[in-house]
Amino acid sequence: MIAIAYTCAILAGWNSRQMGLQKYVGRLKELQRSQHRHSVFWVGLYGQLWVNAMEFWTDLAHDLMRLKPNKLPYFQKGLRAMTPIQSAL
């Protein structure tokens, strides 16, 4: 079971990186670093947590979007990124 879960997380993280969605899931590589900040495994796990949290807190998230209308384009980019991340999982 552990091997299957690990493999699924790695594949989901790899798909997220290939689609260019890592910037929504975690921090990108900093200029001083020679390697990525987070592994593909971490990106896969955190992407799944991000989507699950967004589904759980969707009402609160939409209330916050209504409070900050000037930030709406950024919120919409994040919401659009959530669909491919869900398909990668």
PDB file of N, CA and C in Angstrom:
ATOM      1  N   MET A   1       0.806  -1.185   0.000  1.00  0.00           N
ATOM      2  CA  MET A   1       0.000   0.000   0.000  1.00  0.00           C
ATOM      3  C   MET A   1       0.860   1.264   0.000  1.00  0.00           C
ATOM      4  N   ILE A   2       1.909   1.237   0.800  1.00  0.00           N
ATOM      5  CA  ILE A   2       2.779   2.409   0.892  1.00  0.00           C
ATOM      6  C   ILE A   2       3.447   2.676  -0.454  1.00  0.00           C
ATOM      7  N   ALA A   3       3.888   1.630  -1.121  1.00  0.00           N
ATOM      8  CA  ALA A   3       4.548   1.790  -2.420  1.00  0.00           C
ATOM      9  C   ALA A   3       3.579   2.353  -3.462  1.00  0.00           C
ATOM     10  N   ILE A   4       2.340   1.912  -3.420  1.00  0.00           N
ATOM     11  CA  ILE A   4       1.335   2.413  -4.371  1.00  0.00           C
ATOM     12  C   ILE A   4       1.044   3.883  -4.090  1.00  0.00           C
ATOM     13  N   ALA A   5       0.874   4.257  -2.821  1.00  0.00           N
ATOM     14  CA  ALA A   5       0.607   5.648  -2.466  1.00  0.00           C
ATOM     15  C   ALA A   5       1.783   6.548  -2.842  1.00  0.00           C
ATOM     16  N   TYR A   6       2.995   6.069  -2.611  1.00  0.00           N
ATOM     17  CA  TYR A   6       4.192   6.831  -2.962  1.00  0.00           C
ATOM     18  C   TYR A   6       4.267   7.043  -4.473  1.00  0.00           C
ATOM     19  N   THR A   7       4.017   5.991  -5.221  1.00  0.00           N
ATOM     20  CA  THR A   7       4.048   6.082  -6.684  1.00  0.00           C
ATOM     21  C   THR A   7       2.978   7.044  -7.190  1.00  0.00           C
ATOM     22  N   CYS A   8       1.781   6.991  -6.625  1.00  0.00           N
ATOM     23  CA  CYS A   8       0.710   7.894  -7.044  1.00  0.00           C
ATOM     24  C   CYS A   8       1.068   9.349  -6.768  1.00  0.00           C
ATOM     25  N   ALA A   9       1.668   9.615  -5.600  1.00  0.00           N
ATOM     26  CA  ALA A   9       2.064  10.988  -5.259  1.00  0.00           C
ATOM     27  C   ALA A   9       3.147  11.485  -6.206  1.00  0.00           C
ATOM     28  N   ILE A  10       4.098  10.633  -6.544  1.00  0.00           N
ATOM     29  CA  ILE A  10       5.164  11.031  -7.461  1.00  0.00           C
ATOM     30  C   ILE A  10       4.606  11.312  -8.849  1.00  0.00           C
ATOM     31  N   LEU A  11       3.711  10.460  -9.331  1.00  0.00           N
ATOM     32  CA  LEU A  11       3.118  10.685 -10.652  1.00  0.00           C
ATOM     33  C   LEU A  11       2.281  11.962 -10.678  1.00  0.00           C
ATOM     34  N   ALA A  12       1.530  12.217  -9.626  1.00  0.00           N
ATOM     35  CA  ALA A  12       0.738  13.443  -9.564  1.00  0.00           C
ATOM     36  C   ALA A  12       1.644  14.673  -9.531  1.00  0.00           C
ATOM     37  N   GLY A  13       2.724  14.608  -8.781  1.00  0.00           N
ATOM     38  CA  GLY A  13       3.673  15.730  -8.740  1.00  0.00           C
ATOM     39  C   GLY A  13       4.362  15.942 -10.062  1.00  0.00           C
ATOM     40  N   TRP A  14       4.723  14.860 -10.721  1.00  0.00           N
ATOM     41  CA  TRP A  14       5.371  14.966 -12.027  1.00  0.00           C
ATOM     42  C   TRP A  14       4.413  15.580 -13.042  1.00  0.00           C
ATOM     43  N   ASN A  15       3.150  15.149 -13.020  1.00  0.00           N
ATOM     44  CA  ASN A  15       2.158  15.726 -13.930  1.00  0.00           C
ATOM     45  C   ASN A  15       1.945  17.206 -13.645  1.00  0.00           C
ATOM     46  N   SER A  16       1.923  17.583 -12.366  1.00  0.00           N
ATOM     47  CA  SER A  16       1.749  19.000 -12.012  1.00  0.00           C
ATOM     48  C   SER A  16       2.909  19.841 -12.522  1.00  0.00           C
ATOM     49  N   ARG A  17       4.114  19.321 -12.398  1.00  0.00           N
ATOM     50  CA  ARG A  17       5.287  20.061 -12.910  1.00  0.00           C
ATOM     51  C   ARG A  17       5.266  20.150 -14.421  1.00  0.00           C
ATOM     52  N   GLN A  18       4.879  19.073 -15.093  1.00  0.00           N
ATOM     53  CA  GLN A  18       4.835  19.087 -16.552  1.00  0.00           C
ATOM     54  C   GLN A  18       3.804  20.084 -17.073  1.00  0.00           C
ATOM     55  N   MET A  19       2.695  20.251 -16.344  1.00  0.00           N
ATOM     56  CA  MET A  19       1.650  21.190 -16.759  1.00  0.00           C
ATOM     57  C   MET A  19       1.947  22.615 -16.321  1.00  0.00           C
ATOM     58  N   GLY A  20       3.037  22.822 -15.570  1.00  0.00           N
ATOM     59  CA  GLY A  20       3.397  24.156 -15.118  1.00  0.00           C
ATOM     60  C   GLY A  20       2.565  24.651 -13.954  1.00  0.00           C
ATOM     61  N   LEU A  21       2.033  23.743 -13.162  1.00  0.00           N
ATOM     62  CA  LEU A  21       1.165  24.120 -12.051  1.00  0.00           C
ATOM     63  C   LEU A  21       1.885  24.152 -10.718  1.00  0.00           C
ATOM     64  N   GLN A  22       3.172  23.901 -10.720  1.00  0.00           N
ATOM     65  CA  GLN A  22       3.916  23.867  -9.467  1.00  0.00           C
ATOM     66  C   GLN A  22       3.897  25.225  -8.772  1.00  0.00           C
ATOM     67  N   LYS A  23       3.828  26.308  -9.540  1.00  0.00           N
ATOM     68  CA  LYS A  23       3.839  27.636  -8.923  1.00  0.00           C
ATOM     69  C   LYS A  23       2.590  27.884  -8.085  1.00  0.00           C
ATOM     70  N   TYR A  24       1.514  27.136  -8.337  1.00  0.00           N
ATOM     71  CA  TYR A  24       0.322  27.268  -7.520  1.00  0.00           C
ATOM     72  C   TYR A  24       0.374  26.371  -6.294  1.00  0.00           C
ATOM     73  N   VAL A  25       1.119  25.293  -6.381  1.00  0.00           N
ATOM     74  CA  VAL A  25       1.162  24.305  -5.301  1.00  0.00           C
ATOM     75  C   VAL A  25       2.221  24.664  -4.270  1.00  0.00           C
ATOM     76  N   GLY A  26       3.395  25.054  -4.708  1.00  0.00           N
ATOM     77  CA  GLY A  26       4.479  25.332  -3.780  1.00  0.00           C
ATOM     78  C   GLY A  26       5.397  26.400  -4.317  1.00  0.00           C
ATOM     79  N   ARG A  27       6.395  26.721  -3.541  1.00  0.00           N
ATOM     80  CA  ARG A  27       7.377  27.722  -3.945  1.00  0.00           C
ATOM     81  C   ARG A  27       8.221  27.227  -5.105  1.00  0.00           C
ATOM     82  N   LEU A  28       8.551  28.144  -5.977  1.00  0.00           N
ATOM     83  CA  LEU A  28       9.446  27.812  -7.074  1.00  0.00           C
ATOM     84  C   LEU A  28      10.892  27.843  -6.604  1.00  0.00           C
ATOM     85  N   LYS A  29      11.772  27.407  -7.457  1.00  0.00           N
ATOM     86  CA  LYS A  29      13.202  27.404  -7.144  1.00  0.00           C
ATOM     87  C   LYS A  29      13.703  28.840  -6.986  1.00  0.00           C
ATOM     88  N   GLU A  30      14.453  29.085  -5.936  1.00  0.00           N
ATOM     89  CA  GLU A  30      15.025  30.403  -5.727  1.00  0.00           C
ATOM     90  C   GLU A  30      16.303  30.548  -6.531  1.00  0.00           C
ATOM     91  N   LEU A  31      16.727  31.768  -6.745  1.00  0.00           N
ATOM     92  CA  LEU A  31      17.899  32.029  -7.582  1.00  0.00           C
ATOM     93  C   LEU A  31      19.172  31.438  -6.992  1.00  0.00           C
ATOM     94  N   GLN A  32      19.303  31.456  -5.672  1.00  0.00           N
ATOM     95  CA  GLN A  32      20.528  30.973  -5.047  1.00  0.00           C
ATOM     96  C   GLN A  32      20.616  29.446  -4.995  1.00  0.00           C
ATOM     97  N   ARG A  33      19.522  28.764  -5.145  1.00  0.00           N
ATOM     98  CA  ARG A  33      19.507  27.305  -5.037  1.00  0.00           C
ATOM     99  C   ARG A  33      19.891  26.662  -6.359  1.00  0.00           C
ATOM    100  N   SER A  34      20.589  25.555  -6.258  1.00  0.00           N
ATOM    101  CA  SER A  34      20.937  24.810  -7.473  1.00  0.00           C
ATOM    102  C   SER A  34      19.928  23.697  -7.741  1.00  0.00           C
ATOM    103  N   GLN A  35      19.123  23.357  -6.746  1.00  0.00           N
ATOM    104  CA  GLN A  35      18.115  22.310  -6.907  1.00  0.00           C
ATOM    105  C   GLN A  35      16.745  22.877  -6.566  1.00  0.00           C
ATOM    106  N   HIS A  36      15.707  22.139  -6.972  1.00  0.00           N
ATOM    107  CA  HIS A  36      14.348  22.564  -6.649  1.00  0.00           C
ATOM    108  C   HIS A  36      14.151  22.552  -5.140  1.00  0.00           C
ATOM    109  N   ARG A  37      13.289  23.419  -4.670  1.00  0.00           N
ATOM    110  CA  ARG A  37      13.023  23.515  -3.238  1.00  0.00           C
ATOM    111  C   ARG A  37      12.302  22.277  -2.723  1.00  0.00           C
ATOM    112  N   HIS A  38      11.362  21.770  -3.506  1.00  0.00           N
ATOM    113  CA  HIS A  38      10.576  20.615  -3.074  1.00  0.00           C
ATOM    114  C   HIS A  38      10.654  19.510  -4.122  1.00  0.00           C
ATOM    115  N   SER A  39      10.585  18.283  -3.642  1.00  0.00           N
ATOM    116  CA  SER A  39      10.654  17.133  -4.540  1.00  0.00           C
ATOM    117  C   SER A  39       9.329  16.952  -5.273  1.00  0.00           C
ATOM    118  N   VAL A  40       9.356  16.111  -6.273  1.00  0.00           N
ATOM    119  CA  VAL A  40       8.147  15.795  -7.030  1.00  0.00           C
ATOM    120  C   VAL A  40       7.133  15.125  -6.114  1.00  0.00           C
ATOM    121  N   PHE A  41       7.607  14.301  -5.199  1.00  0.00           N
ATOM    122  CA  PHE A  41       6.738  13.647  -4.223  1.00  0.00           C
ATOM    123  C   PHE A  41       6.005  14.680  -3.380  1.00  0.00           C
ATOM    124  N   TRP A  42       6.721  15.688  -2.892  1.00  0.00           N
ATOM    125  CA  TRP A  42       6.118  16.724  -2.062  1.00  0.00           C
ATOM    126  C   TRP A  42       5.072  17.504  -2.853  1.00  0.00           C
ATOM    127  N   VAL A  43       5.378  17.841  -4.100  1.00  0.00           N
ATOM    128  CA  VAL A  43       4.437  18.590  -4.939  1.00  0.00           C
ATOM    129  C   VAL A  43       3.166  17.777  -5.143  1.00  0.00           C
ATOM    130  N   GLY A  44       3.309  16.468  -5.357  1.00  0.00           N
ATOM    131  CA  GLY A  44       2.135  15.610  -5.529  1.00  0.00           C
ATOM    132  C   GLY A  44       1.277  15.550  -4.282  1.00  0.00           C
ATOM    133  N   LEU A  45       1.901  15.397  -3.121  1.00  0.00           N
ATOM    134  CA  LEU A  45       1.153  15.349  -1.865  1.00  0.00           C
ATOM    135  C   LEU A  45       0.496  16.684  -1.550  1.00  0.00           C
ATOM    136  N   TYR A  46       1.252  17.756  -1.688  1.00  0.00           N
ATOM    137  CA  TYR A  46       0.732  19.067  -1.335  1.00  0.00           C
ATOM    138  C   TYR A  46      -0.352  19.509  -2.311  1.00  0.00           C
ATOM    139  N   GLY A  47      -0.237  19.134  -3.570  1.00  0.00           N
ATOM    140  CA  GLY A  47      -1.283  19.447  -4.545  1.00  0.00           C
ATOM    141  C   GLY A  47      -2.600  18.807  -4.158  1.00  0.00           C
ATOM    142  N   GLN A  48      -2.523  17.571  -3.706  1.00  0.00           N
ATOM    143  CA  GLN A  48      -3.732  16.876  -3.274  1.00  0.00           C
ATOM    144  C   GLN A  48      -4.324  17.553  -2.027  1.00  0.00           C
ATOM    145  N   LEU A  49      -3.486  17.928  -1.089  1.00  0.00           N
ATOM    146  CA  LEU A  49      -3.964  18.621   0.110  1.00  0.00           C
ATOM    147  C   LEU A  49      -4.579  19.973  -0.235  1.00  0.00           C
ATOM    148  N   TRP A  50      -3.971  20.672  -1.191  1.00  0.00           N
ATOM    149  CA  TRP A  50      -4.470  21.985  -1.601  1.00  0.00           C
ATOM    150  C   TRP A  50      -5.871  21.863  -2.190  1.00  0.00           C
ATOM    151  N   VAL A  51      -6.068  20.879  -3.066  1.00  0.00           N
ATOM    152  CA  VAL A  51      -7.377  20.680  -3.692  1.00  0.00           C
ATOM    153  C   VAL A  51      -8.410  20.262  -2.649  1.00  0.00           C
ATOM    154  N   ASN A  52      -8.050  19.342  -1.758  1.00  0.00           N
ATOM    155  CA  ASN A  52      -8.982  18.904  -0.715  1.00  0.00           C
ATOM    156  C   ASN A  52      -9.367  20.053   0.208  1.00  0.00           C
ATOM    157  N   ALA A  53      -8.405  20.880   0.583  1.00  0.00           N
ATOM    158  CA  ALA A  53      -8.697  22.025   1.446  1.00  0.00           C
ATOM    159  C   ALA A  53      -9.588  23.028   0.739  1.00  0.00           C
ATOM    160  N   MET A  54      -9.344  23.245  -0.533  1.00  0.00           N
ATOM    161  CA  MET A  54     -10.168  24.195  -1.281  1.00  0.00           C
ATOM    162  C   MET A  54     -11.607  23.703  -1.392  1.00  0.00           C
ATOM    163  N   GLU A  55     -11.784  22.398  -1.561  1.00  0.00           N
ATOM    164  CA  GLU A  55     -13.140  21.853  -1.613  1.00  0.00           C
ATOM    165  C   GLU A  55     -13.828  21.975  -0.251  1.00  0.00           C
ATOM    166  N   PHE A  56     -13.071  21.762   0.816  1.00  0.00           N
ATOM    167  CA  PHE A  56     -13.636  21.824   2.156  1.00  0.00           C
ATOM    168  C   PHE A  56     -13.992  23.256   2.548  1.00  0.00           C
ATOM    169  N   TRP A  57     -13.142  24.211   2.200  1.00  0.00           N
ATOM    170  CA  TRP A  57     -13.318  25.608   2.590  1.00  0.00           C
ATOM    171  C   TRP A  57     -13.852  26.476   1.458  1.00  0.00           C
ATOM    172  N   THR A  58     -14.551  25.900   0.497  1.00  0.00           N
ATOM    173  CA  THR A  58     -14.978  26.637  -0.688  1.00  0.00           C
ATOM    174  C   THR A  58     -15.856  27.845  -0.353  1.00  0.00           C
ATOM    175  N   ASP A  59     -16.765  27.707   0.618  1.00  0.00           N
ATOM    176  CA  ASP A  59     -17.628  28.842   0.973  1.00  0.00           C
ATOM    177  C   ASP A  59     -16.812  29.998   1.540  1.00  0.00           C
ATOM    178  N   LEU A  60     -15.868  29.691   2.411  1.00  0.00           N
ATOM    179  CA  LEU A  60     -15.011  30.718   2.988  1.00  0.00           C
ATOM    180  C   LEU A  60     -14.150  31.378   1.909  1.00  0.00           C
ATOM    181  N   ALA A  61     -13.638  30.576   0.990  1.00  0.00           N
ATOM    182  CA  ALA A  61     -12.808  31.120  -0.085  1.00  0.00           C
ATOM    183  C   ALA A  61     -13.608  32.082  -0.959  1.00  0.00           C
ATOM    184  N   HIS A  62     -14.839  31.730  -1.278  1.00  0.00           N
ATOM    185  CA  HIS A  62     -15.663  32.614  -2.108  1.00  0.00           C
ATOM    186  C   HIS A  62     -16.032  33.897  -1.346  1.00  0.00           C
ATOM    187  N   ASP A  63     -16.241  33.794  -0.044  1.00  0.00           N
ATOM    188  CA  ASP A  63     -16.485  35.003   0.752  1.00  0.00           C
ATOM    189  C   ASP A  63     -15.272  35.925   0.732  1.00  0.00           C
ATOM    190  N   LEU A  64     -14.085  35.350   0.854  1.00  0.00           N
ATOM    191  CA  LEU A  64     -12.868  36.162   0.797  1.00  0.00           C
ATOM    192  C   LEU A  64     -12.692  36.804  -0.575  1.00  0.00           C
ATOM    193  N   MET A  65     -13.059  36.090  -1.626  1.00  0.00           N
ATOM    194  CA  MET A  65     -12.950  36.658  -2.978  1.00  0.00           C
ATOM    195  C   MET A  65     -13.878  37.855  -3.129  1.00  0.00           C
ATOM    196  N   ARG A  66     -15.057  37.789  -2.509  1.00  0.00           N
ATOM    197  CA  ARG A  66     -15.986  38.907  -2.580  1.00  0.00           C
ATOM    198  C   ARG A  66     -15.475  40.109  -1.789  1.00  0.00           C
ATOM    199  N   LEU A  67     -14.714  39.862  -0.731  1.00  0.00           N
ATOM    200  CA  LEU A  67     -14.179  40.963   0.071  1.00  0.00           C
ATOM    201  C   LEU A  67     -13.053  41.713  -0.630  1.00  0.00           C
ATOM    202  N   LYS A  68     -12.323  41.042  -1.501  1.00  0.00           N
ATOM    203  CA  LYS A  68     -11.174  41.643  -2.187  1.00  0.00           C
ATOM    204  C   LYS A  68     -11.375  41.586  -3.709  1.00  0.00           C
ATOM    205  N   PRO A  69     -12.254  42.414  -4.255  1.00  0.00           N
ATOM    206  CA  PRO A  69     -12.521  42.345  -5.694  1.00  0.00           C
ATOM    207  C   PRO A  69     -11.313  42.721  -6.554  1.00  0.00           C
ATOM    208  N   ASN A  70     -10.376  43.516  -6.014  1.00  0.00           N
ATOM    209  CA  ASN A  70      -9.202  43.876  -6.805  1.00  0.00           C
ATOM    210  C   ASN A  70      -8.247  42.700  -6.977  1.00  0.00           C
ATOM    211  N   LYS A  71      -8.367  41.685  -6.147  1.00  0.00           N
ATOM    212  CA  LYS A  71      -7.515  40.489  -6.241  1.00  0.00           C
ATOM    213  C   LYS A  71      -8.198  39.357  -6.997  1.00  0.00           C
ATOM    214  N   LEU A  72      -9.381  39.608  -7.538  1.00  0.00           N
ATOM    215  CA  LEU A  72     -10.162  38.570  -8.204  1.00  0.00           C
ATOM    216  C   LEU A  72      -9.415  37.867  -9.342  1.00  0.00           C
ATOM    217  N   PRO A  73      -8.630  38.569 -10.188  1.00  0.00           N
ATOM    218  CA  PRO A  73      -7.894  37.848 -11.235  1.00  0.00           C
ATOM    219  C   PRO A  73      -6.921  36.799 -10.681  1.00  0.00           C
ATOM    220  N   TYR A  74      -6.296  37.091  -9.548  1.00  0.00           N
ATOM    221  CA  TYR A  74      -5.375  36.131  -8.946  1.00  0.00           C
ATOM    222  C   TYR A  74      -6.124  34.930  -8.385  1.00  0.00           C
ATOM    223  N   PHE A  75      -7.273  35.184  -7.766  1.00  0.00           N
ATOM    224  CA  PHE A  75      -8.094  34.099  -7.259  1.00  0.00           C
ATOM    225  C   PHE A  75      -8.564  33.204  -8.408  1.00  0.00           C
ATOM    226  N   GLN A  76      -8.964  33.835  -9.511  1.00  0.00           N
ATOM    227  CA  GLN A  76      -9.449  33.077 -10.657  1.00  0.00           C
ATOM    228  C   GLN A  76      -8.346  32.223 -11.275  1.00  0.00           C
ATOM    229  N   LYS A  77      -7.112  32.742 -11.309  1.00  0.00           N
ATOM    230  CA  LYS A  77      -5.993  31.938 -11.816  1.00  0.00           C
ATOM    231  C   LYS A  77      -5.792  30.699 -10.959  1.00  0.00           C
ATOM    232  N   GLY A  78      -5.892  30.863  -9.656  1.00  0.00           N
ATOM    233  CA  GLY A  78      -5.754  29.725  -8.754  1.00  0.00           C
ATOM    234  C   GLY A  78      -6.872  28.719  -8.931  1.00  0.00           C
ATOM    235  N   LEU A  79      -8.086  29.201  -9.116  1.00  0.00           N
ATOM    236  CA  LEU A  79      -9.212  28.296  -9.323  1.00  0.00           C
ATOM    237  C   LEU A  79      -9.090  27.551 -10.652  1.00  0.00           C
ATOM    238  N   ARG A  80      -8.602  28.249 -11.687  1.00  0.00           N
ATOM    239  CA  ARG A  80      -8.400  27.577 -12.980  1.00  0.00           C
ATOM    240  C   ARG A  80      -7.299  26.526 -12.878  1.00  0.00           C
ATOM    241  N   ALA A  81      -6.307  26.777 -12.052  1.00  0.00           N
ATOM    242  CA  ALA A  81      -5.212  25.813 -11.879  1.00  0.00           C
ATOM    243  C   ALA A  81      -5.671  24.583 -11.115  1.00  0.00           C
ATOM    244  N   MET A  82      -6.722  24.708 -10.338  1.00  0.00           N
ATOM    245  CA  MET A  82      -7.191  23.592  -9.526  1.00  0.00           C
ATOM    246  C   MET A  82      -7.754  22.463 -10.391  1.00  0.00           C
ATOM    247  N   THR A  83      -8.380  22.776 -11.507  1.00  0.00           N
ATOM    248  CA  THR A  83      -8.958  21.734 -12.367  1.00  0.00           C
ATOM    249  C   THR A  83      -7.898  20.806 -12.935  1.00  0.00           C
ATOM    250  N   PRO A  84      -6.806  21.300 -13.536  1.00  0.00           N
ATOM    251  CA  PRO A  84      -5.779  20.366 -14.006  1.00  0.00           C
ATOM    252  C   PRO A  84      -5.086  19.599 -12.890  1.00  0.00           C
ATOM    253  N   ILE A  85      -4.953  20.232 -11.713  1.00  0.00           N
ATOM    254  CA  ILE A  85      -4.343  19.517 -10.596  1.00  0.00           C
ATOM    255  C   ILE A  85      -5.235  18.363 -10.171  1.00  0.00           C
ATOM    256  N   GLN A  86      -6.550  18.583 -10.169  1.00  0.00           N
ATOM    257  CA  GLN A  86      -7.475  17.498  -9.847  1.00  0.00           C
ATOM    258  C   GLN A  86      -7.378  16.374 -10.877  1.00  0.00           C
ATOM    259  N   SER A  87      -7.204  16.731 -12.141  1.00  0.00           N
ATOM    260  CA  SER A  87      -7.097  15.689 -13.170  1.00  0.00           C
ATOM    261  C   SER A  87      -5.775  14.935 -13.066  1.00  0.00           C
ATOM    262  N   ALA A  88      -4.740  15.600 -12.548  1.00  0.00           N
ATOM    263  CA  ALA A  88      -3.443  14.937 -12.371  1.00  0.00           C
ATOM    264  C   ALA A  88      -3.481  13.936 -11.223  1.00  0.00           C
ATOM    265  N   LEU A  89      -4.402  14.152 -10.287  1.00  0.00           N
ATOM    266  CA  LEU A  89      -4.520  13.252  -9.144  1.00  0.00           C
ATOM    267  C   LEU A  89      -5.332  12.088  -9.573  1.00  0.00           C
TER     268      LEU A  89
END
